[in-house]
N, C-alpha and C. Protein backbone atom coordinates (compact mmCIF):
# COMPACT_ATOMS: atom_id res chain seq x y z
N MET A 1 3.37 -8.51 7.63
CA MET A 1 4.77 -8.19 7.91
C MET A 1 5.62 -8.51 6.68
N MET A 2 6.42 -7.56 6.29
CA MET A 2 7.25 -7.76 5.09
C MET A 2 8.39 -8.71 5.39
N SER A 3 8.66 -9.61 4.46
CA SER A 3 9.78 -10.52 4.64
C SER A 3 11.07 -9.83 4.21
N GLU A 4 12.15 -10.23 4.83
CA GLU A 4 13.43 -9.66 4.49
C GLU A 4 13.90 -10.19 3.13
N THR A 5 14.48 -9.31 2.35
CA THR A 5 15.03 -9.71 1.06
C THR A 5 16.26 -10.57 1.27
N GLN A 6 16.29 -11.69 0.59
CA GLN A 6 17.43 -12.58 0.72
C GLN A 6 18.55 -12.12 -0.20
N PRO A 7 19.75 -11.89 0.31
CA PRO A 7 20.84 -11.46 -0.55
C PRO A 7 21.24 -12.56 -1.53
N LEU A 8 21.69 -12.13 -2.70
CA LEU A 8 22.18 -13.09 -3.67
C LEU A 8 23.51 -13.66 -3.19
N PRO A 9 23.77 -14.90 -3.47
CA PRO A 9 25.05 -15.47 -3.05
C PRO A 9 26.21 -14.79 -3.77
N ASP A 10 27.33 -14.67 -3.08
CA ASP A 10 28.50 -14.03 -3.67
C ASP A 10 28.98 -14.76 -4.92
N ALA A 11 28.71 -16.06 -4.98
CA ALA A 11 29.21 -16.86 -6.09
C ALA A 11 28.23 -16.93 -7.26
N ALA A 12 27.21 -16.05 -7.29
CA ALA A 12 26.26 -16.07 -8.39
C ALA A 12 27.00 -15.86 -9.70
N PRO A 13 26.69 -16.65 -10.74
CA PRO A 13 27.41 -16.50 -12.01
C PRO A 13 27.19 -15.13 -12.61
N ILE A 14 28.19 -14.64 -13.34
CA ILE A 14 28.07 -13.30 -13.91
C ILE A 14 27.22 -13.28 -15.17
N CYS A 15 27.02 -14.45 -15.78
CA CYS A 15 26.13 -14.52 -16.95
C CYS A 15 25.77 -15.99 -17.18
N ARG A 16 25.02 -16.24 -18.21
CA ARG A 16 24.53 -17.60 -18.49
C ARG A 16 25.63 -18.54 -18.97
N TYR A 17 26.72 -18.00 -19.46
CA TYR A 17 27.78 -18.81 -20.04
C TYR A 17 28.97 -18.93 -19.09
N PRO A 18 29.68 -20.05 -19.15
CA PRO A 18 30.87 -20.17 -18.31
C PRO A 18 31.92 -19.16 -18.75
N THR A 19 32.54 -18.52 -17.79
CA THR A 19 33.53 -17.49 -18.09
C THR A 19 34.76 -17.69 -17.21
N PRO A 20 35.90 -17.15 -17.63
CA PRO A 20 37.04 -17.13 -16.73
C PRO A 20 36.74 -16.23 -15.54
N THR A 21 37.51 -16.35 -14.51
CA THR A 21 37.40 -15.46 -13.36
C THR A 21 38.69 -14.67 -13.25
N PRO A 22 38.72 -13.62 -12.43
CA PRO A 22 39.97 -12.85 -12.29
C PRO A 22 41.15 -13.69 -11.81
N THR A 23 40.87 -14.85 -11.24
CA THR A 23 41.97 -15.71 -10.76
C THR A 23 42.26 -16.87 -11.70
N THR A 24 41.53 -16.97 -12.82
CA THR A 24 41.74 -18.08 -13.76
C THR A 24 41.95 -17.54 -15.17
N LEU A 25 42.93 -16.67 -15.33
CA LEU A 25 43.16 -16.03 -16.62
C LEU A 25 44.29 -16.68 -17.41
N ASP A 26 44.98 -17.64 -16.81
CA ASP A 26 46.18 -18.19 -17.44
C ASP A 26 45.90 -18.89 -18.77
N GLY A 27 44.68 -19.38 -18.95
CA GLY A 27 44.38 -20.08 -20.20
C GLY A 27 44.03 -19.15 -21.35
N LEU A 28 43.98 -17.85 -21.09
CA LEU A 28 43.61 -16.90 -22.14
C LEU A 28 44.83 -16.50 -22.97
N PRO A 29 44.61 -16.06 -24.21
CA PRO A 29 45.73 -15.52 -24.98
C PRO A 29 46.40 -14.37 -24.23
N ALA A 30 47.68 -14.20 -24.45
CA ALA A 30 48.45 -13.24 -23.66
C ALA A 30 47.90 -11.82 -23.76
N ASP A 31 47.49 -11.40 -24.97
CA ASP A 31 47.01 -10.02 -25.13
C ASP A 31 45.68 -9.80 -24.42
N VAL A 32 44.82 -10.82 -24.43
CA VAL A 32 43.53 -10.71 -23.74
C VAL A 32 43.76 -10.66 -22.23
N ARG A 33 44.61 -11.54 -21.74
CA ARG A 33 44.93 -11.53 -20.30
C ARG A 33 45.54 -10.20 -19.88
N GLN A 34 46.43 -9.66 -20.69
CA GLN A 34 47.08 -8.40 -20.37
C GLN A 34 46.08 -7.25 -20.30
N ARG A 35 45.14 -7.22 -21.23
CA ARG A 35 44.13 -6.16 -21.23
C ARG A 35 43.27 -6.25 -19.95
N ILE A 36 42.91 -7.45 -19.57
CA ILE A 36 42.10 -7.62 -18.36
C ILE A 36 42.89 -7.20 -17.12
N LEU A 37 44.15 -7.56 -17.06
CA LEU A 37 44.97 -7.19 -15.91
C LEU A 37 45.17 -5.68 -15.83
N GLU A 38 45.28 -5.02 -16.97
CA GLU A 38 45.43 -3.57 -16.99
C GLU A 38 44.17 -2.89 -16.45
N VAL A 39 43.02 -3.40 -16.85
CA VAL A 39 41.76 -2.84 -16.36
C VAL A 39 41.63 -3.09 -14.86
N GLN A 40 41.99 -4.28 -14.42
CA GLN A 40 41.92 -4.60 -13.01
C GLN A 40 42.81 -3.66 -12.18
N GLU A 41 44.01 -3.40 -12.68
CA GLU A 41 44.92 -2.52 -11.94
C GLU A 41 44.37 -1.10 -11.86
N LYS A 42 43.76 -0.62 -12.94
CA LYS A 42 43.25 0.74 -12.98
C LYS A 42 41.98 0.90 -12.15
N ALA A 43 41.06 -0.07 -12.28
CA ALA A 43 39.75 0.06 -11.63
C ALA A 43 39.71 -0.55 -10.23
N GLY A 44 40.60 -1.51 -9.97
CA GLY A 44 40.55 -2.22 -8.70
C GLY A 44 39.71 -3.48 -8.76
N PHE A 45 39.08 -3.73 -9.91
CA PHE A 45 38.29 -4.95 -10.12
C PHE A 45 38.17 -5.17 -11.62
N VAL A 46 37.71 -6.36 -12.02
CA VAL A 46 37.55 -6.65 -13.44
C VAL A 46 36.07 -6.52 -13.81
N PRO A 47 35.71 -5.55 -14.65
CA PRO A 47 34.31 -5.48 -15.10
C PRO A 47 33.88 -6.79 -15.75
N ASN A 48 32.69 -7.23 -15.39
CA ASN A 48 32.23 -8.55 -15.84
C ASN A 48 32.16 -8.68 -17.36
N VAL A 49 31.96 -7.57 -18.07
CA VAL A 49 31.88 -7.67 -19.53
C VAL A 49 33.19 -8.18 -20.11
N PHE A 50 34.32 -7.85 -19.51
CA PHE A 50 35.60 -8.33 -20.01
C PHE A 50 35.70 -9.85 -19.88
N LEU A 51 35.20 -10.37 -18.78
CA LEU A 51 35.25 -11.81 -18.57
C LEU A 51 34.28 -12.54 -19.50
N ALA A 52 33.12 -11.93 -19.73
CA ALA A 52 32.15 -12.56 -20.63
C ALA A 52 32.68 -12.61 -22.06
N LEU A 53 33.26 -11.51 -22.53
CA LEU A 53 33.78 -11.47 -23.90
C LEU A 53 35.04 -12.32 -24.07
N ALA A 54 35.79 -12.50 -22.98
CA ALA A 54 37.06 -13.23 -23.07
C ALA A 54 36.88 -14.68 -23.46
N ARG A 55 35.68 -15.22 -23.31
CA ARG A 55 35.47 -16.61 -23.69
C ARG A 55 35.60 -16.80 -25.21
N ARG A 56 35.50 -15.70 -25.97
CA ARG A 56 35.72 -15.73 -27.41
C ARG A 56 36.74 -14.64 -27.74
N PRO A 57 38.02 -14.96 -27.67
CA PRO A 57 39.06 -13.93 -27.78
C PRO A 57 38.98 -13.06 -29.05
N GLU A 58 38.61 -13.64 -30.18
CA GLU A 58 38.54 -12.83 -31.40
C GLU A 58 37.46 -11.76 -31.27
N GLU A 59 36.34 -12.11 -30.69
CA GLU A 59 35.27 -11.13 -30.50
C GLU A 59 35.66 -10.11 -29.43
N PHE A 60 36.36 -10.54 -28.39
CA PHE A 60 36.90 -9.65 -27.37
C PHE A 60 37.74 -8.56 -28.03
N ARG A 61 38.68 -8.98 -28.88
CA ARG A 61 39.57 -8.02 -29.55
C ARG A 61 38.79 -7.08 -30.47
N ALA A 62 37.85 -7.64 -31.24
CA ALA A 62 37.11 -6.83 -32.20
C ALA A 62 36.22 -5.81 -31.50
N PHE A 63 35.52 -6.24 -30.45
CA PHE A 63 34.64 -5.32 -29.75
C PHE A 63 35.43 -4.19 -29.11
N LEU A 64 36.52 -4.54 -28.43
CA LEU A 64 37.29 -3.51 -27.73
C LEU A 64 38.03 -2.60 -28.70
N ALA A 65 38.41 -3.12 -29.86
CA ALA A 65 39.05 -2.26 -30.85
C ALA A 65 38.08 -1.18 -31.32
N TYR A 66 36.84 -1.56 -31.60
CA TYR A 66 35.85 -0.57 -32.04
C TYR A 66 35.47 0.35 -30.88
N HIS A 67 35.31 -0.21 -29.70
CA HIS A 67 35.03 0.59 -28.50
C HIS A 67 36.10 1.66 -28.32
N ASP A 68 37.36 1.26 -28.38
CA ASP A 68 38.44 2.22 -28.16
C ASP A 68 38.51 3.26 -29.27
N ALA A 69 38.25 2.83 -30.51
CA ALA A 69 38.29 3.77 -31.63
C ALA A 69 37.26 4.87 -31.47
N LEU A 70 36.11 4.54 -30.90
CA LEU A 70 35.05 5.53 -30.71
C LEU A 70 35.20 6.31 -29.40
N LEU A 71 35.44 5.61 -28.32
CA LEU A 71 35.40 6.25 -27.00
C LEU A 71 36.68 6.99 -26.67
N LEU A 72 37.80 6.61 -27.26
CA LEU A 72 39.07 7.23 -26.90
C LEU A 72 39.54 8.28 -27.91
N ARG A 73 38.89 8.37 -29.05
CA ARG A 73 39.33 9.34 -30.06
C ARG A 73 38.97 10.76 -29.63
N GLU A 74 39.82 11.70 -30.03
CA GLU A 74 39.51 13.12 -29.81
C GLU A 74 38.38 13.51 -30.74
N SER A 75 37.40 14.23 -30.21
CA SER A 75 36.27 14.65 -31.04
C SER A 75 35.59 15.84 -30.39
N GLY A 76 34.51 16.28 -31.00
CA GLY A 76 33.74 17.38 -30.42
C GLY A 76 32.90 16.96 -29.24
N LEU A 77 32.92 15.68 -28.92
CA LEU A 77 32.19 15.18 -27.75
C LEU A 77 33.18 14.95 -26.61
N SER A 78 32.81 15.37 -25.42
CA SER A 78 33.65 15.08 -24.26
C SER A 78 33.48 13.62 -23.85
N LYS A 79 34.39 13.15 -22.99
CA LYS A 79 34.25 11.78 -22.49
C LYS A 79 32.92 11.61 -21.76
N GLY A 80 32.53 12.61 -21.00
CA GLY A 80 31.26 12.53 -20.29
C GLY A 80 30.08 12.48 -21.23
N GLU A 81 30.12 13.25 -22.32
CA GLU A 81 29.01 13.24 -23.27
C GLU A 81 28.89 11.89 -23.97
N LYS A 82 30.01 11.26 -24.26
CA LYS A 82 29.96 9.92 -24.85
C LYS A 82 29.29 8.94 -23.90
N GLU A 83 29.59 9.06 -22.61
CA GLU A 83 28.94 8.19 -21.63
C GLU A 83 27.46 8.52 -21.49
N MET A 84 27.09 9.80 -21.65
CA MET A 84 25.67 10.15 -21.62
C MET A 84 24.90 9.40 -22.71
N ILE A 85 25.49 9.33 -23.90
CA ILE A 85 24.85 8.61 -25.01
C ILE A 85 24.66 7.14 -24.64
N ILE A 86 25.69 6.53 -24.06
CA ILE A 86 25.60 5.12 -23.69
C ILE A 86 24.53 4.90 -22.64
N VAL A 87 24.49 5.75 -21.62
CA VAL A 87 23.53 5.58 -20.53
C VAL A 87 22.10 5.81 -21.03
N ALA A 88 21.89 6.85 -21.83
CA ALA A 88 20.54 7.15 -22.30
C ALA A 88 20.01 6.04 -23.19
N THR A 89 20.82 5.58 -24.15
CA THR A 89 20.34 4.54 -25.06
C THR A 89 20.24 3.18 -24.37
N SER A 90 21.14 2.92 -23.42
CA SER A 90 21.05 1.66 -22.67
C SER A 90 19.82 1.64 -21.78
N GLY A 91 19.43 2.82 -21.28
CA GLY A 91 18.20 2.90 -20.50
C GLY A 91 16.98 2.55 -21.34
N VAL A 92 16.93 3.09 -22.55
CA VAL A 92 15.82 2.79 -23.47
C VAL A 92 15.82 1.30 -23.83
N ASN A 93 17.01 0.73 -23.98
CA ASN A 93 17.11 -0.70 -24.31
C ASN A 93 17.01 -1.60 -23.09
N ARG A 94 16.84 -1.00 -21.93
CA ARG A 94 16.64 -1.72 -20.67
C ARG A 94 17.79 -2.68 -20.38
N CYS A 95 18.99 -2.18 -20.60
CA CYS A 95 20.18 -2.99 -20.35
C CYS A 95 20.73 -2.65 -18.97
N LEU A 96 20.49 -3.50 -18.02
CA LEU A 96 20.92 -3.25 -16.65
C LEU A 96 22.44 -3.09 -16.57
N TYR A 97 23.16 -4.00 -17.22
CA TYR A 97 24.62 -3.95 -17.11
C TYR A 97 25.16 -2.61 -17.58
N CYS A 98 24.76 -2.17 -18.77
CA CYS A 98 25.35 -0.95 -19.33
C CYS A 98 24.89 0.30 -18.60
N VAL A 99 23.65 0.32 -18.14
CA VAL A 99 23.20 1.48 -17.36
C VAL A 99 24.01 1.60 -16.08
N VAL A 100 24.20 0.49 -15.38
CA VAL A 100 24.92 0.52 -14.11
C VAL A 100 26.40 0.82 -14.32
N ALA A 101 27.03 0.10 -15.24
CA ALA A 101 28.47 0.25 -15.44
C ALA A 101 28.81 1.62 -16.03
N HIS A 102 28.12 2.01 -17.08
CA HIS A 102 28.45 3.29 -17.71
C HIS A 102 27.86 4.46 -16.94
N GLY A 103 26.81 4.20 -16.16
CA GLY A 103 26.35 5.24 -15.25
C GLY A 103 27.42 5.59 -14.23
N ALA A 104 28.14 4.58 -13.76
CA ALA A 104 29.24 4.82 -12.82
C ALA A 104 30.34 5.65 -13.48
N ILE A 105 30.69 5.29 -14.71
CA ILE A 105 31.73 6.03 -15.42
C ILE A 105 31.29 7.48 -15.66
N LEU A 106 30.02 7.67 -16.02
CA LEU A 106 29.49 9.02 -16.23
C LEU A 106 29.56 9.85 -14.96
N ARG A 107 29.19 9.26 -13.83
CA ARG A 107 29.26 10.00 -12.56
C ARG A 107 30.69 10.44 -12.26
N VAL A 108 31.64 9.57 -12.54
CA VAL A 108 33.04 9.90 -12.28
C VAL A 108 33.51 11.01 -13.21
N TYR A 109 33.23 10.89 -14.51
CA TYR A 109 33.69 11.90 -15.47
C TYR A 109 33.08 13.27 -15.18
N GLU A 110 31.78 13.30 -14.90
CA GLU A 110 31.09 14.57 -14.74
C GLU A 110 31.08 15.07 -13.30
N LYS A 111 31.54 14.22 -12.36
CA LYS A 111 31.52 14.59 -10.93
C LYS A 111 30.11 15.04 -10.53
N ALA A 112 29.12 14.26 -10.97
CA ALA A 112 27.71 14.58 -10.76
C ALA A 112 26.98 13.33 -10.31
N PRO A 113 26.79 13.14 -9.00
CA PRO A 113 26.24 11.89 -8.48
C PRO A 113 24.82 11.56 -8.96
N LEU A 114 24.04 12.57 -9.35
CA LEU A 114 22.64 12.33 -9.73
C LEU A 114 22.45 12.14 -11.23
N LEU A 115 23.42 12.53 -12.02
CA LEU A 115 23.22 12.69 -13.45
C LEU A 115 22.90 11.39 -14.17
N ALA A 116 23.59 10.32 -13.86
CA ALA A 116 23.38 9.06 -14.59
C ALA A 116 21.97 8.54 -14.39
N ASP A 117 21.44 8.64 -13.18
CA ASP A 117 20.07 8.17 -12.93
C ASP A 117 19.07 9.01 -13.71
N GLN A 118 19.29 10.32 -13.74
CA GLN A 118 18.39 11.20 -14.49
C GLN A 118 18.38 10.83 -15.97
N ILE A 119 19.55 10.67 -16.54
CA ILE A 119 19.66 10.40 -17.97
C ILE A 119 19.12 9.02 -18.32
N ALA A 120 19.35 8.05 -17.46
CA ALA A 120 18.87 6.69 -17.75
C ALA A 120 17.35 6.62 -17.79
N VAL A 121 16.69 7.46 -16.98
CA VAL A 121 15.23 7.41 -16.90
C VAL A 121 14.58 8.37 -17.90
N ASN A 122 15.04 9.63 -17.92
CA ASN A 122 14.43 10.63 -18.81
C ASN A 122 15.41 11.78 -18.98
N HIS A 123 16.16 11.77 -20.05
CA HIS A 123 17.20 12.80 -20.22
C HIS A 123 16.63 14.20 -20.35
N ARG A 124 15.34 14.31 -20.72
CA ARG A 124 14.76 15.65 -20.86
C ARG A 124 14.49 16.30 -19.50
N LYS A 125 14.57 15.53 -18.44
CA LYS A 125 14.44 16.07 -17.08
C LYS A 125 15.79 16.16 -16.38
N ALA A 126 16.85 15.84 -17.09
CA ALA A 126 18.18 15.79 -16.48
C ALA A 126 18.83 17.17 -16.44
N ASP A 127 19.80 17.30 -15.57
CA ASP A 127 20.54 18.55 -15.43
C ASP A 127 21.66 18.61 -16.48
N ILE A 128 21.25 18.83 -17.74
CA ILE A 128 22.20 18.89 -18.85
C ILE A 128 21.91 20.15 -19.66
N THR A 129 22.83 20.48 -20.55
CA THR A 129 22.68 21.67 -21.37
C THR A 129 21.74 21.40 -22.55
N PRO A 130 21.20 22.48 -23.17
CA PRO A 130 20.39 22.28 -24.38
C PRO A 130 21.16 21.53 -25.47
N ARG A 131 22.47 21.77 -25.58
CA ARG A 131 23.30 21.06 -26.56
C ARG A 131 23.29 19.56 -26.28
N GLN A 132 23.45 19.20 -25.01
CA GLN A 132 23.48 17.79 -24.65
C GLN A 132 22.11 17.15 -24.81
N GLN A 133 21.04 17.91 -24.56
CA GLN A 133 19.70 17.37 -24.77
C GLN A 133 19.48 17.07 -26.25
N ALA A 134 19.93 17.98 -27.12
CA ALA A 134 19.80 17.74 -28.56
C ALA A 134 20.58 16.50 -28.98
N MET A 135 21.77 16.35 -28.41
CA MET A 135 22.60 15.17 -28.69
C MET A 135 21.87 13.89 -28.31
N LEU A 136 21.26 13.88 -27.13
CA LEU A 136 20.58 12.66 -26.67
C LEU A 136 19.25 12.45 -27.39
N ASP A 137 18.57 13.54 -27.76
CA ASP A 137 17.37 13.38 -28.58
C ASP A 137 17.72 12.63 -29.87
N PHE A 138 18.82 13.03 -30.49
CA PHE A 138 19.24 12.38 -31.73
C PHE A 138 19.67 10.94 -31.48
N ALA A 139 20.43 10.71 -30.41
CA ALA A 139 20.89 9.35 -30.11
C ALA A 139 19.70 8.41 -29.91
N LEU A 140 18.67 8.87 -29.23
CA LEU A 140 17.51 8.01 -29.01
C LEU A 140 16.73 7.78 -30.30
N LYS A 141 16.75 8.77 -31.19
CA LYS A 141 16.10 8.55 -32.48
C LYS A 141 16.87 7.49 -33.27
N VAL A 142 18.19 7.56 -33.25
CA VAL A 142 19.00 6.53 -33.90
C VAL A 142 18.73 5.17 -33.26
N CYS A 143 18.61 5.15 -31.96
CA CYS A 143 18.39 3.90 -31.22
C CYS A 143 17.04 3.27 -31.57
N LEU A 144 16.00 4.09 -31.68
CA LEU A 144 14.64 3.57 -31.81
C LEU A 144 14.05 3.68 -33.21
N ARG A 145 14.47 4.73 -33.94
CA ARG A 145 13.83 5.00 -35.24
C ARG A 145 14.87 5.51 -36.24
N ALA A 146 15.93 4.74 -36.41
CA ALA A 146 17.02 5.19 -37.28
C ALA A 146 16.54 5.42 -38.72
N ASP A 147 15.50 4.70 -39.13
CA ASP A 147 14.99 4.86 -40.49
C ASP A 147 14.37 6.23 -40.72
N GLU A 148 14.06 6.96 -39.64
CA GLU A 148 13.43 8.27 -39.76
C GLU A 148 14.43 9.43 -39.71
N VAL A 149 15.71 9.13 -39.49
CA VAL A 149 16.72 10.20 -39.43
C VAL A 149 16.82 10.87 -40.79
N GLY A 150 16.80 12.21 -40.77
CA GLY A 150 16.86 12.95 -42.02
C GLY A 150 17.58 14.27 -41.88
N GLU A 151 17.48 15.09 -42.89
CA GLU A 151 18.21 16.36 -42.94
C GLU A 151 17.88 17.27 -41.77
N ALA A 152 16.64 17.27 -41.34
CA ALA A 152 16.24 18.14 -40.23
C ALA A 152 17.00 17.79 -38.95
N ASP A 153 17.30 16.52 -38.76
CA ASP A 153 18.04 16.11 -37.57
C ASP A 153 19.47 16.65 -37.62
N TYR A 154 20.09 16.59 -38.79
CA TYR A 154 21.44 17.14 -38.94
C TYR A 154 21.43 18.65 -38.73
N THR A 155 20.42 19.31 -39.27
CA THR A 155 20.33 20.77 -39.13
C THR A 155 20.21 21.16 -37.67
N ALA A 156 19.39 20.42 -36.91
CA ALA A 156 19.21 20.72 -35.49
C ALA A 156 20.52 20.55 -34.72
N LEU A 157 21.29 19.53 -35.05
CA LEU A 157 22.56 19.31 -34.37
C LEU A 157 23.61 20.34 -34.79
N HIS A 158 23.63 20.70 -36.06
CA HIS A 158 24.55 21.75 -36.51
C HIS A 158 24.27 23.05 -35.76
N ALA A 159 23.01 23.34 -35.50
CA ALA A 159 22.65 24.56 -34.78
C ALA A 159 23.18 24.57 -33.35
N GLN A 160 23.45 23.38 -32.81
CA GLN A 160 23.99 23.27 -31.46
C GLN A 160 25.51 23.17 -31.46
N GLY A 161 26.13 23.28 -32.63
CA GLY A 161 27.59 23.28 -32.70
C GLY A 161 28.23 21.95 -33.03
N PHE A 162 27.43 20.93 -33.31
CA PHE A 162 27.99 19.64 -33.71
C PHE A 162 28.31 19.66 -35.20
N ASP A 163 29.44 19.08 -35.59
CA ASP A 163 29.72 18.94 -37.01
C ASP A 163 29.39 17.51 -37.45
N ASN A 164 29.60 17.22 -38.73
CA ASN A 164 29.19 15.91 -39.25
C ASN A 164 29.98 14.76 -38.63
N GLU A 165 31.24 15.01 -38.27
CA GLU A 165 32.02 13.96 -37.62
C GLU A 165 31.50 13.68 -36.20
N ASP A 166 31.07 14.72 -35.50
CA ASP A 166 30.46 14.52 -34.19
C ASP A 166 29.18 13.69 -34.32
N ILE A 167 28.41 13.97 -35.36
CA ILE A 167 27.16 13.24 -35.56
C ILE A 167 27.46 11.77 -35.89
N TRP A 168 28.52 11.54 -36.63
CA TRP A 168 28.95 10.15 -36.87
C TRP A 168 29.27 9.47 -35.55
N ASP A 169 29.98 10.19 -34.66
CA ASP A 169 30.32 9.62 -33.34
C ASP A 169 29.06 9.27 -32.55
N ILE A 170 28.11 10.19 -32.50
CA ILE A 170 26.86 9.93 -31.76
C ILE A 170 26.18 8.68 -32.32
N THR A 171 26.12 8.61 -33.64
CA THR A 171 25.47 7.47 -34.30
C THR A 171 26.20 6.17 -34.01
N SER A 172 27.51 6.19 -34.13
CA SER A 172 28.30 4.96 -33.99
C SER A 172 28.31 4.46 -32.55
N ILE A 173 28.39 5.38 -31.60
CA ILE A 173 28.34 4.96 -30.19
C ILE A 173 26.99 4.33 -29.88
N THR A 174 25.92 4.95 -30.37
CA THR A 174 24.59 4.39 -30.19
C THR A 174 24.50 3.00 -30.79
N ALA A 175 25.04 2.84 -31.99
CA ALA A 175 24.96 1.55 -32.67
C ALA A 175 25.78 0.48 -31.96
N LEU A 176 27.00 0.83 -31.55
CA LEU A 176 27.84 -0.16 -30.87
C LEU A 176 27.19 -0.63 -29.59
N PHE A 177 26.61 0.29 -28.83
CA PHE A 177 26.02 -0.13 -27.57
C PHE A 177 24.63 -0.73 -27.75
N GLY A 178 24.03 -0.54 -28.92
CA GLY A 178 22.84 -1.34 -29.24
C GLY A 178 23.22 -2.81 -29.30
N LEU A 179 24.36 -3.10 -29.93
CA LEU A 179 24.89 -4.47 -29.94
C LEU A 179 25.19 -4.94 -28.52
N SER A 180 25.91 -4.12 -27.77
CA SER A 180 26.31 -4.49 -26.42
C SER A 180 25.10 -4.73 -25.52
N ASN A 181 24.11 -3.84 -25.61
CA ASN A 181 22.90 -3.98 -24.79
C ASN A 181 22.20 -5.30 -25.06
N ARG A 182 22.08 -5.65 -26.32
CA ARG A 182 21.35 -6.87 -26.67
C ARG A 182 22.11 -8.12 -26.24
N LEU A 183 23.42 -8.09 -26.40
CA LEU A 183 24.21 -9.22 -25.95
C LEU A 183 24.13 -9.35 -24.43
N ALA A 184 24.32 -8.25 -23.71
CA ALA A 184 24.28 -8.30 -22.24
C ALA A 184 22.93 -8.79 -21.73
N ASN A 185 21.85 -8.31 -22.35
CA ASN A 185 20.52 -8.76 -21.92
C ASN A 185 20.31 -10.24 -22.19
N ALA A 186 20.71 -10.69 -23.38
CA ALA A 186 20.45 -12.08 -23.76
C ALA A 186 21.25 -13.08 -22.93
N ILE A 187 22.44 -12.66 -22.45
CA ILE A 187 23.24 -13.58 -21.63
C ILE A 187 23.09 -13.31 -20.13
N SER A 188 22.18 -12.38 -19.79
CA SER A 188 21.94 -12.03 -18.37
C SER A 188 23.23 -11.61 -17.66
N LEU A 189 23.94 -10.69 -18.28
CA LEU A 189 25.20 -10.21 -17.71
C LEU A 189 24.94 -9.33 -16.50
N ARG A 190 25.52 -9.70 -15.37
CA ARG A 190 25.30 -8.99 -14.11
C ARG A 190 26.34 -7.89 -13.92
N PRO A 191 25.92 -6.69 -13.51
CA PRO A 191 26.90 -5.65 -13.20
C PRO A 191 27.70 -6.01 -11.95
N ASN A 192 28.96 -5.63 -11.93
CA ASN A 192 29.77 -5.80 -10.72
C ASN A 192 29.18 -4.95 -9.60
N PRO A 193 29.14 -5.45 -8.37
CA PRO A 193 28.63 -4.65 -7.26
C PRO A 193 29.36 -3.32 -7.09
N GLU A 194 30.64 -3.29 -7.45
CA GLU A 194 31.43 -2.06 -7.27
C GLU A 194 30.87 -0.89 -8.06
N PHE A 195 30.23 -1.18 -9.19
CA PHE A 195 29.73 -0.10 -10.03
C PHE A 195 28.62 0.71 -9.35
N TYR A 196 27.83 0.07 -8.51
CA TYR A 196 26.63 0.72 -7.99
C TYR A 196 26.94 1.97 -7.15
N LEU A 197 28.01 1.94 -6.43
CA LEU A 197 28.34 3.07 -5.55
C LEU A 197 29.39 4.00 -6.13
N LEU A 198 30.04 3.59 -7.19
CA LEU A 198 31.14 4.37 -7.75
C LEU A 198 30.64 5.75 -8.19
N GLY A 199 31.31 6.78 -7.69
CA GLY A 199 31.00 8.15 -8.08
C GLY A 199 29.78 8.74 -7.42
N ARG A 200 29.18 8.06 -6.47
CA ARG A 200 27.96 8.59 -5.84
C ARG A 200 28.28 9.55 -4.68
N LEU A 201 29.40 9.33 -4.04
CA LEU A 201 29.78 10.19 -2.92
C LEU A 201 31.08 10.89 -3.25
N PRO A 202 31.23 12.15 -2.84
CA PRO A 202 32.49 12.86 -3.11
C PRO A 202 33.64 12.13 -2.46
N ARG A 203 34.77 12.13 -3.16
CA ARG A 203 35.96 11.51 -2.58
C ARG A 203 36.45 12.33 -1.39
N ALA A 204 36.93 11.61 -0.37
CA ALA A 204 37.48 12.30 0.79
C ALA A 204 38.74 13.05 0.37
N PRO A 205 38.94 14.27 0.87
CA PRO A 205 40.15 15.01 0.51
C PRO A 205 41.39 14.28 0.97
N LYS A 206 42.45 14.37 0.14
CA LYS A 206 43.70 13.72 0.50
C LYS A 206 44.34 14.43 1.68
N ALA A 207 44.94 13.62 2.56
CA ALA A 207 45.58 14.20 3.74
C ALA A 207 46.85 14.93 3.33
């Protein structure tokens, strides 16, 4: 007879290091606290990565500045495609936090409940376009074998309509989340429970 799985306690720490909680932000610098409160208001909860990074405010600011510069800039990549890169490379790096959190964001952007799981496991079996497959093929090469990137890789991406600035974006997003994946894994950063269901079911129509 199979034993029932014991649920994790609600108070399980979000990572190996002591962190502020959404109710204990007063000791943080004003700009860090404000950024966390803005995210909380928009999402309805505070993603655990913000609390983990907040323990070192200078690194919090630096990471989010680079994150915003890459993820929020106008480019030849859509918001959904940028999240595809994060999910695919985080899957290869076996980063639970980033696969779950950015998988949720990808589902919301693309309005595709199955897509994040497909991309995290094997993007070549995912419901994506040939252009997006080429993008992720390149991202995974940067992730795993950046020393082998050469002219042929650029030529293949140019054939799919990407320009050199788009290729810089693919490379930089992969690199930034290589850092994020390794940090999250090493500190055992837990995804917020809210992420698991986000974007999986269609929203009820407004009355």
